[in-house]
Amino acid sequence: VPRLYSSENISNSDVKAALAELDKCLEKRSEYLDRRVRQIDTVRYKLSIPRLPLKSRLDLTWKLAGLYDGYLSDSALIYYTKGMNLSVGNDNVWYNRFRIKRCETLPLVALFNEALQEFESIRIDSLPAEDQTLAFDAGRQLYSYVASFYVDHPEHYRTWNDRSLEMQEQLIRHSEPNSQMCKFNQAEYLFMTGEYQKS
C-alpha cells in the first residue's frame, strides 16, 4: 500500500500528551456519561416540541443520533433511520448524511449485509466535499467491523481490512492536513500497515 504522508510531525511528546489526556478522560468517565445523558434528555425534549420546522427537526435528530453513537448503538441506529426517513424527498444533503452514518452503525447490531449493500450504493464522488470525508470515515469503520468478524479467517480478514485501509487512504487525502482526524488516521494507518515505529 503506498505511503501517503510523512509522520515526522507526530513526535514523542505528542504521544505522551495524548496518553496523558486519555488517562484524564478515563478518570472522568462517569462524569462524561452523566453529561451525555443530560444532553440526550435536553435534545429529546426539544424534539418533542410540536410543529418544529423541518430544518430544526433534522438538526436535532442528527445531534441526538450522534449523542447515542458510541453509547447506545441501537438508539443511534433508530435516530439515524428516523433522520433518513424524515429527509428523503425533502433534503438530499441530510438524507445522505443520515444514510452514511446509518451504514456505519448497522454492523453494531449485526446487520452486516444490509450495511454493505446500502453503503456500496452511495456514490461518494457525487457528494459535497465535507460529506465525502464523512463517507470515507464511515467506510473505514464499516469495513473494519466486517474484517473483525473474520479475525479467524486470515484471507477474508485481509480482504476486508484492505478495503478499510483504502477508505482510510481517501479519508487522509480529503482531511485537513493538521486536523485531529487527519493525525489520528495517519497514526492508525501507519500502525495497521506495519510501520509501528512511525505511528
N, C-alpha and C. Protein backbone atom coordinates (compact mmCIF):
# COMPACT_ATOMS: atom_id res chain seq x y z
N VAL A 1 0.86 -1.18 0.00
CA VAL A 1 0.00 0.00 0.00
C VAL A 1 0.90 1.23 0.00
N PRO A 2 0.67 2.21 -0.85
CA PRO A 2 1.56 3.36 -0.92
C PRO A 2 1.50 4.22 0.33
N ARG A 3 2.66 4.75 0.70
CA ARG A 3 2.70 5.66 1.85
C ARG A 3 2.11 7.00 1.43
N LEU A 4 1.24 7.54 2.28
CA LEU A 4 0.51 8.74 1.90
C LEU A 4 1.13 10.02 2.45
N TYR A 5 1.99 9.88 3.40
CA TYR A 5 2.41 11.09 4.11
C TYR A 5 3.63 10.75 4.94
N SER A 6 4.24 11.77 5.50
CA SER A 6 5.30 11.58 6.47
C SER A 6 4.73 11.74 7.86
N SER A 7 5.23 10.98 8.83
CA SER A 7 4.74 11.09 10.21
C SER A 7 5.68 11.93 11.07
N GLU A 8 6.58 12.69 10.46
CA GLU A 8 7.56 13.44 11.23
C GLU A 8 6.91 14.47 12.15
N ASN A 9 5.69 14.89 11.85
CA ASN A 9 5.03 15.89 12.68
C ASN A 9 4.40 15.28 13.93
N ILE A 10 4.46 13.93 14.09
CA ILE A 10 3.94 13.27 15.29
C ILE A 10 5.15 12.88 16.14
N SER A 11 5.42 13.66 17.18
CA SER A 11 6.62 13.46 17.99
C SER A 11 6.31 12.62 19.23
N ASN A 12 7.37 12.25 19.96
CA ASN A 12 7.20 11.51 21.21
C ASN A 12 6.42 12.32 22.22
N SER A 13 6.65 13.62 22.24
CA SER A 13 5.91 14.47 23.17
C SER A 13 4.43 14.51 22.84
N ASP A 14 4.10 14.44 21.52
CA ASP A 14 2.69 14.36 21.10
C ASP A 14 2.05 13.08 21.65
N VAL A 15 2.78 11.97 21.55
CA VAL A 15 2.26 10.69 22.03
C VAL A 15 2.05 10.72 23.53
N LYS A 16 3.03 11.25 24.27
CA LYS A 16 2.92 11.33 25.73
C LYS A 16 1.75 12.21 26.14
N ALA A 17 1.59 13.33 25.44
CA ALA A 17 0.47 14.22 25.75
C ALA A 17 -0.87 13.55 25.49
N ALA A 18 -0.94 12.79 24.39
CA ALA A 18 -2.18 12.09 24.05
C ALA A 18 -2.51 11.03 25.10
N LEU A 19 -1.50 10.30 25.57
CA LEU A 19 -1.72 9.28 26.58
C LEU A 19 -2.15 9.89 27.91
N ALA A 20 -1.54 11.03 28.25
CA ALA A 20 -1.93 11.73 29.49
C ALA A 20 -3.37 12.20 29.40
N GLU A 21 -3.76 12.70 28.24
CA GLU A 21 -5.14 13.15 28.03
C GLU A 21 -6.10 11.97 28.14
N LEU A 22 -5.70 10.82 27.61
CA LEU A 22 -6.53 9.62 27.69
C LEU A 22 -6.74 9.20 29.14
N ASP A 23 -5.68 9.26 29.94
CA ASP A 23 -5.79 8.92 31.36
C ASP A 23 -6.79 9.83 32.06
N LYS A 24 -6.74 11.12 31.75
CA LYS A 24 -7.67 12.07 32.35
C LYS A 24 -9.11 11.74 31.96
N CYS A 25 -9.30 11.39 30.69
CA CYS A 25 -10.64 11.06 30.20
C CYS A 25 -11.19 9.83 30.90
N LEU A 26 -10.33 8.82 31.11
CA LEU A 26 -10.78 7.59 31.78
C LEU A 26 -11.16 7.87 33.23
N GLU A 27 -10.44 8.77 33.86
CA GLU A 27 -10.75 9.13 35.24
C GLU A 27 -12.11 9.81 35.35
N LYS A 28 -12.49 10.51 34.30
CA LYS A 28 -13.74 11.28 34.32
C LYS A 28 -14.88 10.58 33.56
N ARG A 29 -14.77 9.27 33.36
CA ARG A 29 -15.74 8.53 32.56
C ARG A 29 -17.17 8.72 33.07
N SER A 30 -17.37 8.55 34.38
CA SER A 30 -18.73 8.68 34.94
C SER A 30 -19.28 10.08 34.73
N GLU A 31 -18.42 11.07 34.88
CA GLU A 31 -18.84 12.46 34.67
C GLU A 31 -19.26 12.68 33.22
N TYR A 32 -18.50 12.14 32.28
CA TYR A 32 -18.82 12.29 30.86
C TYR A 32 -20.15 11.60 30.52
N LEU A 33 -20.36 10.39 31.09
CA LEU A 33 -21.60 9.67 30.82
C LEU A 33 -22.81 10.42 31.36
N ASP A 34 -22.68 10.97 32.57
CA ASP A 34 -23.78 11.74 33.16
C ASP A 34 -24.09 12.96 32.30
N ARG A 35 -23.05 13.61 31.81
CA ARG A 35 -23.24 14.79 30.96
C ARG A 35 -23.94 14.39 29.67
N ARG A 36 -23.55 13.26 29.11
CA ARG A 36 -24.17 12.82 27.86
C ARG A 36 -25.65 12.52 28.07
N VAL A 37 -25.99 11.87 29.16
CA VAL A 37 -27.39 11.56 29.45
C VAL A 37 -28.20 12.84 29.57
N ARG A 38 -27.64 13.85 30.23
CA ARG A 38 -28.34 15.14 30.35
C ARG A 38 -28.53 15.78 28.98
N GLN A 39 -27.50 15.70 28.14
CA GLN A 39 -27.61 16.26 26.79
C GLN A 39 -28.68 15.52 25.98
N ILE A 40 -28.71 14.21 26.11
CA ILE A 40 -29.73 13.42 25.40
C ILE A 40 -31.13 13.84 25.83
N ASP A 41 -31.32 13.98 27.14
CA ASP A 41 -32.64 14.39 27.67
C ASP A 41 -33.05 15.75 27.12
N THR A 42 -32.08 16.65 27.05
CA THR A 42 -32.37 18.00 26.55
C THR A 42 -32.79 17.98 25.09
N VAL A 43 -32.04 17.24 24.27
CA VAL A 43 -32.35 17.18 22.84
C VAL A 43 -33.67 16.46 22.60
N ARG A 44 -33.93 15.40 23.33
CA ARG A 44 -35.19 14.68 23.18
C ARG A 44 -36.38 15.58 23.53
N TYR A 45 -36.21 16.41 24.55
CA TYR A 45 -37.28 17.34 24.91
C TYR A 45 -37.52 18.34 23.77
N LYS A 46 -36.44 18.87 23.23
CA LYS A 46 -36.58 19.84 22.13
C LYS A 46 -37.28 19.20 20.93
N LEU A 47 -36.97 17.94 20.67
CA LEU A 47 -37.59 17.25 19.54
C LEU A 47 -39.08 17.01 19.76
N SER A 48 -39.50 17.01 21.02
CA SER A 48 -40.92 16.74 21.32
C SER A 48 -41.79 17.98 21.14
N ILE A 49 -41.19 19.14 20.92
CA ILE A 49 -41.95 20.37 20.75
C ILE A 49 -42.76 20.29 19.45
N PRO A 50 -44.07 20.53 19.52
CA PRO A 50 -44.91 20.41 18.31
C PRO A 50 -44.55 21.43 17.23
N ARG A 51 -44.79 21.04 15.99
CA ARG A 51 -44.67 21.92 14.83
C ARG A 51 -43.28 22.52 14.64
N LEU A 52 -42.27 21.74 14.95
CA LEU A 52 -40.90 22.19 14.69
C LEU A 52 -40.68 22.27 13.18
N PRO A 53 -39.99 23.31 12.71
CA PRO A 53 -39.63 23.35 11.28
C PRO A 53 -38.77 22.14 10.91
N LEU A 54 -38.85 21.73 9.67
CA LEU A 54 -38.11 20.55 9.22
C LEU A 54 -36.62 20.67 9.49
N LYS A 55 -36.04 21.84 9.22
CA LYS A 55 -34.60 22.02 9.44
C LYS A 55 -34.23 21.78 10.90
N SER A 56 -35.05 22.28 11.81
CA SER A 56 -34.78 22.09 13.24
C SER A 56 -34.89 20.62 13.62
N ARG A 57 -35.88 19.94 13.08
CA ARG A 57 -36.05 18.52 13.37
C ARG A 57 -34.86 17.70 12.86
N LEU A 58 -34.39 18.05 11.67
CA LEU A 58 -33.23 17.35 11.12
C LEU A 58 -31.98 17.61 11.95
N ASP A 59 -31.75 18.88 12.29
CA ASP A 59 -30.59 19.25 13.12
C ASP A 59 -30.61 18.50 14.45
N LEU A 60 -31.76 18.49 15.11
CA LEU A 60 -31.88 17.86 16.43
C LEU A 60 -31.79 16.34 16.34
N THR A 61 -32.35 15.77 15.30
CA THR A 61 -32.27 14.31 15.12
C THR A 61 -30.82 13.89 14.89
N TRP A 62 -30.08 14.67 14.09
CA TRP A 62 -28.66 14.39 13.86
C TRP A 62 -27.88 14.49 15.16
N LYS A 63 -28.17 15.52 15.94
CA LYS A 63 -27.46 15.71 17.21
C LYS A 63 -27.77 14.57 18.17
N LEU A 64 -29.03 14.16 18.23
CA LEU A 64 -29.42 13.09 19.14
C LEU A 64 -28.79 11.75 18.72
N ALA A 65 -28.81 11.46 17.44
CA ALA A 65 -28.18 10.22 16.95
C ALA A 65 -26.69 10.22 17.29
N GLY A 66 -26.05 11.38 17.13
CA GLY A 66 -24.62 11.49 17.45
C GLY A 66 -24.33 11.29 18.92
N LEU A 67 -25.25 11.75 19.79
CA LEU A 67 -25.07 11.56 21.23
C LEU A 67 -25.21 10.08 21.62
N TYR A 68 -26.07 9.37 20.92
CA TYR A 68 -26.23 7.94 21.18
C TYR A 68 -25.09 7.13 20.55
N ASP A 69 -24.49 7.65 19.49
CA ASP A 69 -23.43 6.94 18.78
C ASP A 69 -22.26 6.67 19.73
N GLY A 70 -21.83 5.41 19.81
CA GLY A 70 -20.74 5.06 20.71
C GLY A 70 -21.19 4.88 22.14
N TYR A 71 -22.48 5.03 22.40
CA TYR A 71 -23.04 4.91 23.74
C TYR A 71 -24.13 3.84 23.75
N LEU A 72 -25.16 4.03 22.94
CA LEU A 72 -26.23 3.03 22.76
C LEU A 72 -26.46 2.88 21.26
N SER A 73 -25.85 1.88 20.68
CA SER A 73 -25.85 1.75 19.22
C SER A 73 -27.24 1.56 18.65
N ASP A 74 -28.09 0.79 19.34
CA ASP A 74 -29.44 0.56 18.81
C ASP A 74 -30.24 1.86 18.76
N SER A 75 -30.06 2.72 19.77
CA SER A 75 -30.74 4.02 19.77
C SER A 75 -30.18 4.93 18.69
N ALA A 76 -28.86 4.89 18.51
CA ALA A 76 -28.24 5.68 17.44
C ALA A 76 -28.82 5.27 16.10
N LEU A 77 -28.95 3.96 15.88
CA LEU A 77 -29.49 3.46 14.62
C LEU A 77 -30.93 3.92 14.41
N ILE A 78 -31.72 3.90 15.46
CA ILE A 78 -33.11 4.36 15.37
C ILE A 78 -33.18 5.80 14.88
N TYR A 79 -32.33 6.67 15.44
CA TYR A 79 -32.41 8.09 15.08
C TYR A 79 -31.75 8.39 13.74
N TYR A 80 -30.71 7.63 13.37
CA TYR A 80 -30.18 7.80 12.01
C TYR A 80 -31.23 7.37 10.98
N THR A 81 -31.96 6.32 11.30
CA THR A 81 -33.03 5.86 10.40
C THR A 81 -34.16 6.88 10.34
N LYS A 82 -34.55 7.41 11.50
CA LYS A 82 -35.60 8.44 11.53
C LYS A 82 -35.19 9.66 10.71
N GLY A 83 -33.95 10.08 10.86
CA GLY A 83 -33.47 11.23 10.11
C GLY A 83 -33.47 10.97 8.62
N MET A 84 -33.07 9.76 8.23
CA MET A 84 -33.07 9.41 6.82
C MET A 84 -34.49 9.43 6.26
N ASN A 85 -35.43 8.87 6.99
CA ASN A 85 -36.82 8.85 6.54
C ASN A 85 -37.44 10.24 6.51
N LEU A 86 -37.03 11.07 7.46
CA LEU A 86 -37.56 12.44 7.54
C LEU A 86 -37.05 13.31 6.39
N SER A 87 -35.82 13.06 5.97
CA SER A 87 -35.19 13.91 4.96
C SER A 87 -35.41 13.43 3.53
N VAL A 88 -35.81 12.17 3.34
CA VAL A 88 -35.96 11.65 1.98
C VAL A 88 -37.01 12.47 1.23
N GLY A 89 -36.64 12.95 0.07
CA GLY A 89 -37.53 13.77 -0.74
C GLY A 89 -37.63 15.21 -0.29
N ASN A 90 -36.99 15.54 0.83
CA ASN A 90 -37.05 16.90 1.36
C ASN A 90 -35.69 17.60 1.37
N ASP A 91 -34.66 16.85 1.68
CA ASP A 91 -33.32 17.45 1.79
C ASP A 91 -32.29 16.38 1.47
N ASN A 92 -31.75 16.41 0.27
CA ASN A 92 -30.86 15.35 -0.19
C ASN A 92 -29.53 15.31 0.57
N VAL A 93 -29.04 16.48 0.97
CA VAL A 93 -27.78 16.52 1.73
C VAL A 93 -27.95 15.80 3.06
N TRP A 94 -29.02 16.16 3.79
CA TRP A 94 -29.27 15.50 5.07
C TRP A 94 -29.55 14.01 4.86
N TYR A 95 -30.27 13.68 3.82
CA TYR A 95 -30.59 12.27 3.55
C TYR A 95 -29.32 11.45 3.43
N ASN A 96 -28.34 11.93 2.69
CA ASN A 96 -27.09 11.18 2.51
C ASN A 96 -26.28 11.11 3.80
N ARG A 97 -26.31 12.17 4.59
CA ARG A 97 -25.58 12.14 5.86
C ARG A 97 -26.14 11.08 6.80
N PHE A 98 -27.46 11.10 6.96
CA PHE A 98 -28.08 10.08 7.81
C PHE A 98 -27.84 8.68 7.26
N ARG A 99 -27.91 8.54 5.97
CA ARG A 99 -27.72 7.25 5.31
C ARG A 99 -26.31 6.72 5.55
N ILE A 100 -25.32 7.59 5.41
CA ILE A 100 -23.92 7.20 5.62
C ILE A 100 -23.70 6.72 7.05
N LYS A 101 -24.17 7.49 8.01
CA LYS A 101 -23.96 7.13 9.42
C LYS A 101 -24.76 5.89 9.80
N ARG A 102 -25.92 5.73 9.19
CA ARG A 102 -26.71 4.51 9.43
C ARG A 102 -25.93 3.29 8.97
N CYS A 103 -25.30 3.37 7.82
CA CYS A 103 -24.49 2.26 7.31
C CYS A 103 -23.36 1.91 8.29
N GLU A 104 -22.74 2.92 8.84
CA GLU A 104 -21.65 2.70 9.78
C GLU A 104 -22.14 2.02 11.06
N THR A 105 -23.38 2.31 11.45
CA THR A 105 -23.92 1.80 12.72
C THR A 105 -24.53 0.41 12.59
N LEU A 106 -25.02 0.05 11.43
CA LEU A 106 -25.71 -1.23 11.23
C LEU A 106 -24.89 -2.45 11.69
N PRO A 107 -23.57 -2.52 11.43
CA PRO A 107 -22.83 -3.70 11.88
C PRO A 107 -22.83 -3.88 13.40
N LEU A 108 -23.03 -2.80 14.13
CA LEU A 108 -23.01 -2.89 15.59
C LEU A 108 -24.24 -3.60 16.14
N VAL A 109 -25.26 -3.78 15.28
CA VAL A 109 -26.42 -4.59 15.66
C VAL A 109 -26.49 -5.82 14.75
N ALA A 110 -25.33 -6.21 14.22
CA ALA A 110 -25.14 -7.45 13.43
C ALA A 110 -25.82 -7.44 12.07
N LEU A 111 -26.10 -6.26 11.51
CA LEU A 111 -26.72 -6.19 10.18
C LEU A 111 -25.65 -5.85 9.14
N PHE A 112 -24.71 -6.77 8.97
CA PHE A 112 -23.57 -6.55 8.10
C PHE A 112 -23.97 -6.43 6.63
N ASN A 113 -24.76 -7.37 6.15
CA ASN A 113 -25.11 -7.38 4.73
C ASN A 113 -25.88 -6.13 4.33
N GLU A 114 -26.83 -5.74 5.16
CA GLU A 114 -27.60 -4.52 4.86
C GLU A 114 -26.68 -3.31 4.82
N ALA A 115 -25.75 -3.25 5.75
CA ALA A 115 -24.81 -2.12 5.80
C ALA A 115 -23.97 -2.05 4.52
N LEU A 116 -23.46 -3.19 4.10
CA LEU A 116 -22.59 -3.22 2.91
C LEU A 116 -23.37 -2.87 1.65
N GLN A 117 -24.55 -3.44 1.49
CA GLN A 117 -25.35 -3.16 0.30
C GLN A 117 -25.71 -1.69 0.21
N GLU A 118 -26.10 -1.12 1.34
CA GLU A 118 -26.51 0.29 1.35
C GLU A 118 -25.32 1.21 1.11
N PHE A 119 -24.22 0.94 1.81
CA PHE A 119 -23.05 1.81 1.68
C PHE A 119 -22.49 1.78 0.27
N GLU A 120 -22.43 0.61 -0.32
CA GLU A 120 -21.82 0.48 -1.64
C GLU A 120 -22.71 1.00 -2.76
N SER A 121 -23.93 1.37 -2.42
CA SER A 121 -24.82 2.01 -3.40
C SER A 121 -24.69 3.54 -3.38
N ILE A 122 -23.91 4.05 -2.44
CA ILE A 122 -23.71 5.50 -2.31
C ILE A 122 -22.59 5.94 -3.26
N ARG A 123 -22.85 6.94 -4.07
CA ARG A 123 -21.82 7.48 -4.97
C ARG A 123 -21.05 8.57 -4.23
N ILE A 124 -19.96 8.18 -3.62
CA ILE A 124 -19.21 9.11 -2.77
C ILE A 124 -18.69 10.30 -3.57
N ASP A 125 -18.27 10.07 -4.82
CA ASP A 125 -17.69 11.16 -5.61
C ASP A 125 -18.71 12.23 -5.99
N SER A 126 -20.01 11.93 -5.80
CA SER A 126 -21.04 12.92 -6.11
C SER A 126 -21.43 13.76 -4.90
N LEU A 127 -20.87 13.43 -3.73
CA LEU A 127 -21.22 14.14 -2.50
C LEU A 127 -20.42 15.43 -2.38
N PRO A 128 -20.93 16.42 -1.62
CA PRO A 128 -20.12 17.61 -1.29
C PRO A 128 -18.85 17.18 -0.56
N ALA A 129 -17.81 18.00 -0.61
CA ALA A 129 -16.51 17.64 -0.03
C ALA A 129 -16.61 17.22 1.43
N GLU A 130 -17.36 17.96 2.22
CA GLU A 130 -17.50 17.64 3.64
C GLU A 130 -18.11 16.26 3.84
N ASP A 131 -19.09 15.93 3.01
CA ASP A 131 -19.77 14.65 3.16
C ASP A 131 -18.96 13.50 2.57
N GLN A 132 -18.05 13.80 1.66
CA GLN A 132 -17.13 12.76 1.19
C GLN A 132 -16.24 12.31 2.35
N THR A 133 -15.77 13.27 3.14
CA THR A 133 -14.96 12.93 4.31
C THR A 133 -15.76 12.07 5.28
N LEU A 134 -17.01 12.45 5.50
CA LEU A 134 -17.90 11.66 6.37
C LEU A 134 -18.04 10.23 5.84
N ALA A 135 -18.20 10.10 4.53
CA ALA A 135 -18.39 8.78 3.91
C ALA A 135 -17.12 7.94 4.00
N PHE A 136 -15.96 8.53 3.74
CA PHE A 136 -14.71 7.77 3.82
C PHE A 136 -14.46 7.30 5.26
N ASP A 137 -14.78 8.14 6.23
CA ASP A 137 -14.62 7.76 7.62
C ASP A 137 -15.57 6.61 7.98
N ALA A 138 -16.81 6.72 7.53
CA ALA A 138 -17.79 5.66 7.79
C ALA A 138 -17.38 4.36 7.10
N GLY A 139 -16.88 4.46 5.86
CA GLY A 139 -16.45 3.28 5.14
C GLY A 139 -15.27 2.60 5.81
N ARG A 140 -14.33 3.42 6.27
CA ARG A 140 -13.18 2.89 7.01
C ARG A 140 -13.66 2.06 8.20
N GLN A 141 -14.59 2.61 8.96
CA GLN A 141 -15.07 1.93 10.15
C GLN A 141 -15.92 0.71 9.80
N LEU A 142 -16.78 0.86 8.81
CA LEU A 142 -17.65 -0.24 8.38
C LEU A 142 -16.83 -1.46 7.96
N TYR A 143 -15.86 -1.25 7.08
CA TYR A 143 -15.06 -2.38 6.59
C TYR A 143 -14.18 -2.96 7.70
N SER A 144 -13.79 -2.13 8.65
CA SER A 144 -13.04 -2.63 9.80
C SER A 144 -13.90 -3.54 10.66
N TYR A 145 -15.17 -3.15 10.86
CA TYR A 145 -16.09 -4.01 11.60
C TYR A 145 -16.24 -5.36 10.90
N VAL A 146 -16.40 -5.34 9.59
CA VAL A 146 -16.57 -6.57 8.84
C VAL A 146 -15.30 -7.43 8.96
N ALA A 147 -14.13 -6.79 8.84
CA ALA A 147 -12.87 -7.52 8.95
C ALA A 147 -12.76 -8.23 10.30
N SER A 148 -13.17 -7.54 11.36
CA SER A 148 -13.06 -8.12 12.70
C SER A 148 -13.92 -9.37 12.86
N PHE A 149 -14.98 -9.47 12.06
CA PHE A 149 -15.84 -10.65 12.08
C PHE A 149 -15.10 -11.87 11.55
N TYR A 150 -14.08 -11.64 10.71
CA TYR A 150 -13.32 -12.73 10.07
C TYR A 150 -11.92 -12.88 10.67
N VAL A 151 -11.76 -12.50 11.93
CA VAL A 151 -10.42 -12.50 12.51
C VAL A 151 -9.78 -13.89 12.51
N ASP A 152 -10.59 -14.95 12.53
CA ASP A 152 -10.04 -16.31 12.50
C ASP A 152 -9.92 -16.88 11.09
N HIS A 153 -10.19 -16.05 10.09
CA HIS A 153 -10.09 -16.47 8.69
C HIS A 153 -9.22 -15.45 7.95
N PRO A 154 -7.91 -15.65 7.98
CA PRO A 154 -6.94 -14.64 7.51
C PRO A 154 -7.21 -14.09 6.12
N GLU A 155 -7.61 -14.94 5.18
CA GLU A 155 -7.80 -14.45 3.82
C GLU A 155 -8.96 -13.45 3.75
N HIS A 156 -10.08 -13.80 4.38
CA HIS A 156 -11.23 -12.89 4.39
C HIS A 156 -10.93 -11.63 5.19
N TYR A 157 -10.23 -11.83 6.32
CA TYR A 157 -9.85 -10.67 7.15
C TYR A 157 -9.01 -9.69 6.34
N ARG A 158 -8.03 -10.20 5.62
CA ARG A 158 -7.14 -9.35 4.84
C ARG A 158 -7.91 -8.58 3.75
N THR A 159 -8.85 -9.26 3.12
CA THR A 159 -9.65 -8.62 2.06
C THR A 159 -10.41 -7.42 2.60
N TRP A 160 -11.10 -7.61 3.72
CA TRP A 160 -11.91 -6.52 4.26
C TRP A 160 -11.05 -5.45 4.93
N ASN A 161 -9.94 -5.88 5.53
CA ASN A 161 -9.05 -4.90 6.14
C ASN A 161 -8.41 -4.02 5.08
N ASP A 162 -8.07 -4.60 3.92
CA ASP A 162 -7.52 -3.81 2.81
C ASP A 162 -8.54 -2.77 2.34
N ARG A 163 -9.80 -3.15 2.31
CA ARG A 163 -10.83 -2.19 1.90
C ARG A 163 -10.96 -1.07 2.91
N SER A 164 -10.83 -1.42 4.19
CA SER A 164 -10.85 -0.39 5.23
C SER A 164 -9.68 0.58 5.05
N LEU A 165 -8.50 0.04 4.76
CA LEU A 165 -7.33 0.88 4.55
C LEU A 165 -7.46 1.77 3.31
N GLU A 166 -8.12 1.25 2.28
CA GLU A 166 -8.35 2.06 1.08
C GLU A 166 -9.23 3.27 1.41
N MET A 167 -10.26 3.03 2.24
CA MET A 167 -11.11 4.13 2.68
C MET A 167 -10.31 5.12 3.53
N GLN A 168 -9.42 4.58 4.35
CA GLN A 168 -8.62 5.44 5.21
C GLN A 168 -7.64 6.29 4.39
N GLU A 169 -7.10 5.72 3.34
CA GLU A 169 -6.24 6.50 2.44
C GLU A 169 -7.01 7.71 1.89
N GLN A 170 -8.22 7.46 1.43
CA GLN A 170 -9.03 8.55 0.88
C GLN A 170 -9.40 9.56 1.96
N LEU A 171 -9.68 9.06 3.15
CA LEU A 171 -10.02 9.95 4.26
C LEU A 171 -8.86 10.89 4.57
N ILE A 172 -7.65 10.35 4.61
CA ILE A 172 -6.47 11.17 4.88
C ILE A 172 -6.29 12.22 3.79
N ARG A 173 -6.46 11.82 2.55
CA ARG A 173 -6.31 12.75 1.43
C ARG A 173 -7.34 13.89 1.47
N HIS A 174 -8.53 13.58 1.97
CA HIS A 174 -9.62 14.56 1.96
C HIS A 174 -9.75 15.33 3.28
N SER A 175 -8.90 15.01 4.26
CA SER A 175 -8.97 15.70 5.56
C SER A 175 -8.03 16.90 5.58
N GLU A 176 -8.36 17.87 6.43
CA GLU A 176 -7.45 18.99 6.65
C GLU A 176 -6.13 18.45 7.22
N PRO A 177 -4.98 18.84 6.64
CA PRO A 177 -3.70 18.21 6.99
C PRO A 177 -3.36 18.20 8.48
N ASN A 178 -3.69 19.26 9.21
CA ASN A 178 -3.30 19.33 10.62
C ASN A 178 -4.46 19.07 11.58
N SER A 179 -5.56 18.56 11.06
CA SER A 179 -6.72 18.30 11.91
C SER A 179 -6.49 17.05 12.77
N GLN A 180 -7.24 16.95 13.88
CA GLN A 180 -7.14 15.79 14.74
C GLN A 180 -7.52 14.52 13.98
N MET A 181 -8.54 14.63 13.12
CA MET A 181 -8.96 13.47 12.34
C MET A 181 -7.83 12.98 11.45
N CYS A 182 -7.16 13.90 10.79
CA CYS A 182 -6.07 13.52 9.89
C CYS A 182 -4.92 12.88 10.67
N LYS A 183 -4.53 13.49 11.78
CA LYS A 183 -3.41 12.96 12.57
C LYS A 183 -3.73 11.58 13.12
N PHE A 184 -4.96 11.41 13.63
CA PHE A 184 -5.36 10.11 14.16
C PHE A 184 -5.29 9.04 13.08
N ASN A 185 -5.83 9.35 11.91
CA ASN A 185 -5.86 8.36 10.84
C ASN A 185 -4.48 8.11 10.25
N GLN A 186 -3.62 9.12 10.23
CA GLN A 186 -2.24 8.91 9.81
C GLN A 186 -1.57 7.89 10.71
N ALA A 187 -1.71 8.10 12.03
CA ALA A 187 -1.07 7.20 13.00
C ALA A 187 -1.64 5.79 12.91
N GLU A 188 -2.97 5.69 12.81
CA GLU A 188 -3.59 4.37 12.73
C GLU A 188 -3.19 3.65 11.43
N TYR A 189 -3.13 4.41 10.34
CA TYR A 189 -2.76 3.83 9.05
C TYR A 189 -1.35 3.26 9.09
N LEU A 190 -0.43 4.00 9.68
CA LEU A 190 0.95 3.52 9.80
C LEU A 190 1.01 2.26 10.65
N PHE A 191 0.26 2.26 11.74
CA PHE A 191 0.24 1.08 12.61
C PHE A 191 -0.33 -0.13 11.88
N MET A 192 -1.45 0.06 11.18
CA MET A 192 -2.12 -1.05 10.51
C MET A 192 -1.33 -1.58 9.31
N THR A 193 -0.43 -0.76 8.76
CA THR A 193 0.38 -1.21 7.63
C THR A 193 1.78 -1.65 8.07
N GLY A 194 1.98 -1.80 9.39
CA GLY A 194 3.23 -2.35 9.92
C GLY A 194 4.33 -1.36 10.18
N GLU A 195 4.03 -0.06 10.01
CA GLU A 195 5.04 0.97 10.27
C GLU A 195 4.95 1.40 11.74
N TYR A 196 5.18 0.43 12.67
CA TYR A 196 4.92 0.67 14.07
C TYR A 196 5.75 1.80 14.66
N GLN A 197 7.01 1.90 14.25
CA GLN A 197 7.89 2.92 14.82
C GLN A 197 7.47 4.32 14.43
N LYS A 198 6.78 4.43 13.30
CA LYS A 198 6.39 5.75 12.81
C LYS A 198 4.99 6.16 13.26
N SER A 199 4.24 5.22 13.85
CA SER A 199 2.88 5.54 14.25
C SER A 199 2.85 6.24 15.61
